Amino acid sequence: MNAFALEAEGISKFFPGVKALDNVSLRVRPGTVHALMGENGAGKSTLMKCLIGIYRPDKGSIRVKGEPVEFTDTMDALRSGISMIHQELNLVPHMTVAENIWLGREPMKYGFVDHGQLTRQTQALLDKLNIRLTADRLVG
């Protein structure tokens, strides 16, 4: 079994007149939490967009559980367990903690939001991260 859930090796991304990423590598072990920090314009968002299929890297490779991947869009990445929560400082006050966390990516059943699964998944995640919130509580 591969020791890394996600590996990005030598990722480079260029835009006209800008070298946004230059030979960036990242390894993430299963069950770990990471923070990607840096100044504005450092390439954090560009790297994440490469990892989730919004941008295609100009150079480098991405592997998930040891297998090479080339995501064509964010849903493709999500099926492999990779997603990004974009920085959003505003919450929807008339929605629950769970609904705010999964906004736009809610589990569906028969074409409708599966609120039971939404709440269970969220509470399990909150408990795992030792965050003392109740998934079905309104945030407002």
Protein backbone atom coordinates (compact mmCIF):
# COMPACT_ATOMS: atom_id res chain seq x y z
CA MET A 1 0.00 0.00 0.00
CA ASN A 2 1.23 3.49 -0.86
CA ALA A 3 2.12 5.67 2.13
CA PHE A 4 0.61 8.79 0.53
CA ALA A 5 -3.02 9.59 -0.17
CA LEU A 6 -1.95 12.38 -2.53
CA GLU A 7 1.34 13.21 -4.23
CA ALA A 8 2.06 16.15 -6.47
CA GLU A 9 5.55 16.16 -7.98
CA GLY A 10 7.20 19.00 -9.89
CA ILE A 11 3.98 20.89 -10.59
CA SER A 12 4.47 23.98 -12.75
CA LYS A 13 1.81 26.28 -14.13
CA PHE A 14 2.35 29.20 -16.48
CA PHE A 15 0.03 32.00 -17.54
CA PRO A 16 0.95 34.64 -20.14
CA GLY A 17 3.87 36.53 -18.61
CA VAL A 18 3.55 34.77 -15.23
CA LYS A 19 5.18 31.69 -13.73
CA ALA A 20 2.47 30.88 -11.18
CA LEU A 21 3.99 27.59 -9.96
CA ASP A 22 7.56 26.42 -10.44
CA ASN A 23 8.37 22.78 -9.61
CA VAL A 24 6.08 22.48 -6.57
CA SER A 25 5.85 19.14 -4.77
CA LEU A 26 3.47 18.07 -2.03
CA ARG A 27 2.78 14.79 -0.24
CA VAL A 28 -0.20 14.10 1.98
CA ARG A 29 -0.47 11.02 4.18
CA PRO A 30 -3.90 9.54 4.92
CA GLY A 31 -5.55 10.83 8.08
CA THR A 32 -3.43 13.96 8.35
CA VAL A 33 -4.44 17.61 8.32
CA HIS A 34 -2.42 20.17 6.41
CA ALA A 35 -2.47 23.94 5.99
CA LEU A 36 -1.28 25.59 2.80
CA MET A 37 -0.04 29.04 3.77
CA GLY A 38 1.67 31.90 2.01
CA GLU A 39 1.41 35.49 0.91
CA ASN A 40 -1.11 36.71 -1.64
CA GLY A 41 0.05 35.64 -5.08
CA ALA A 42 2.28 32.84 -3.75
CA GLY A 43 0.42 30.18 -5.76
CA LYS A 44 -1.70 28.46 -3.11
CA SER A 45 -4.95 28.71 -5.04
CA THR A 46 -3.24 27.86 -8.32
CA LEU A 47 -1.77 24.69 -6.80
CA MET A 48 -5.13 23.66 -5.38
CA LYS A 49 -6.85 24.36 -8.71
CA CYS A 50 -4.30 22.07 -10.38
CA LEU A 51 -4.99 19.37 -7.78
CA ILE A 52 -8.77 19.50 -8.22
CA GLY A 53 -8.95 19.69 -11.99
CA ILE A 54 -9.76 23.36 -12.58
CA TYR A 55 -6.32 23.91 -14.13
CA ARG A 56 -4.16 21.36 -15.87
CA PRO A 57 -0.50 21.58 -14.75
CA ASP A 58 1.93 22.49 -17.54
CA LYS A 59 4.54 20.22 -15.95
CA GLY A 60 4.58 17.61 -13.22
CA SER A 61 2.42 14.73 -12.07
CA ILE A 62 -0.33 14.00 -9.58
CA ARG A 63 -0.92 10.63 -7.94
CA VAL A 64 -3.75 9.50 -5.71
CA LYS A 65 -2.96 6.43 -3.59
CA GLY A 66 0.04 5.81 -5.83
CA GLU A 67 -1.91 5.88 -9.10
CA PRO A 68 -1.28 8.64 -11.67
CA VAL A 69 -4.32 10.85 -12.29
CA GLU A 70 -5.23 13.64 -14.69
CA PHE A 71 -8.45 15.26 -13.54
CA THR A 72 -10.60 16.84 -16.23
CA ASP A 73 -12.87 18.72 -13.82
CA THR A 74 -13.71 19.10 -10.13
CA MET A 75 -16.22 16.24 -10.14
CA ASP A 76 -13.52 13.94 -11.50
CA ALA A 77 -11.28 14.95 -8.58
CA LEU A 78 -14.13 14.60 -6.11
CA ARG A 79 -14.71 11.00 -7.21
CA SER A 80 -11.09 10.37 -6.17
CA GLY A 81 -11.70 12.01 -2.80
CA ILE A 82 -10.12 15.39 -3.53
CA SER A 83 -12.01 18.64 -3.16
CA MET A 84 -11.39 22.20 -2.12
CA ILE A 85 -13.44 24.44 0.10
CA HIS A 86 -12.94 27.92 -1.26
CA GLN A 87 -12.32 30.68 1.24
CA GLU A 88 -15.72 31.99 2.17
CA LEU A 89 -16.10 34.04 5.30
CA ASN A 90 -19.88 34.32 5.10
CA LEU A 91 -22.23 31.64 6.36
CA VAL A 92 -25.87 31.20 5.38
CA PRO A 93 -27.60 31.92 8.72
CA HIS A 94 -30.87 30.11 7.97
CA MET A 95 -29.02 26.88 7.11
CA THR A 96 -27.50 24.24 9.39
CA VAL A 97 -23.83 23.66 10.07
CA ALA A 98 -23.97 20.62 7.76
CA GLU A 99 -25.71 22.52 4.96
CA ASN A 100 -23.12 25.31 5.12
CA ILE A 101 -20.22 22.86 5.02
CA TRP A 102 -21.54 20.90 2.02
CA LEU A 103 -23.24 23.79 0.20
CA GLY A 104 -23.42 22.83 -3.46
CA ARG A 105 -22.06 19.31 -2.84
CA GLU A 106 -24.84 17.79 -0.73
CA PRO A 107 -25.40 14.02 -0.88
CA MET A 108 -28.42 13.31 -3.05
CA LYS A 109 -31.04 10.56 -3.09
CA TYR A 110 -33.67 10.33 -5.82
CA GLY A 111 -32.77 13.84 -6.98
CA PHE A 112 -33.24 15.44 -3.55
CA VAL A 113 -30.83 16.32 -0.75
CA ASP A 114 -30.43 13.35 1.58
CA HIS A 115 -30.61 15.28 4.86
CA GLY A 116 -30.10 12.19 7.00
CA GLN A 117 -26.86 11.27 5.26
CA LEU A 118 -25.81 14.93 5.19
CA THR A 119 -26.22 15.21 8.96
CA ARG A 120 -24.59 11.83 9.72
CA GLN A 121 -21.56 12.49 7.49
CA THR A 122 -21.08 15.96 8.89
CA GLN A 123 -21.39 14.91 12.52
CA ALA A 124 -18.90 12.08 11.96
CA LEU A 125 -16.46 14.55 10.40
CA LEU A 126 -16.92 17.09 13.20
CA ASP A 127 -16.42 14.37 15.83
CA LYS A 128 -13.33 13.02 14.06
CA LEU A 129 -11.81 16.51 14.01
CA ASN A 130 -12.85 17.05 17.65
CA ILE A 131 -14.94 20.08 16.69
CA ARG A 132 -17.70 20.60 19.23
CA LEU A 133 -20.55 21.57 16.93
CA THR A 134 -23.86 19.90 16.20
CA ALA A 135 -24.31 19.21 12.50
CA ASP A 136 -28.05 19.90 12.39
CA ARG A 137 -27.95 23.17 14.33
CA LEU A 138 -28.69 26.44 12.54
CA VAL A 139 -25.62 28.66 12.27
CA GLY A 140 -27.60 31.92 12.64
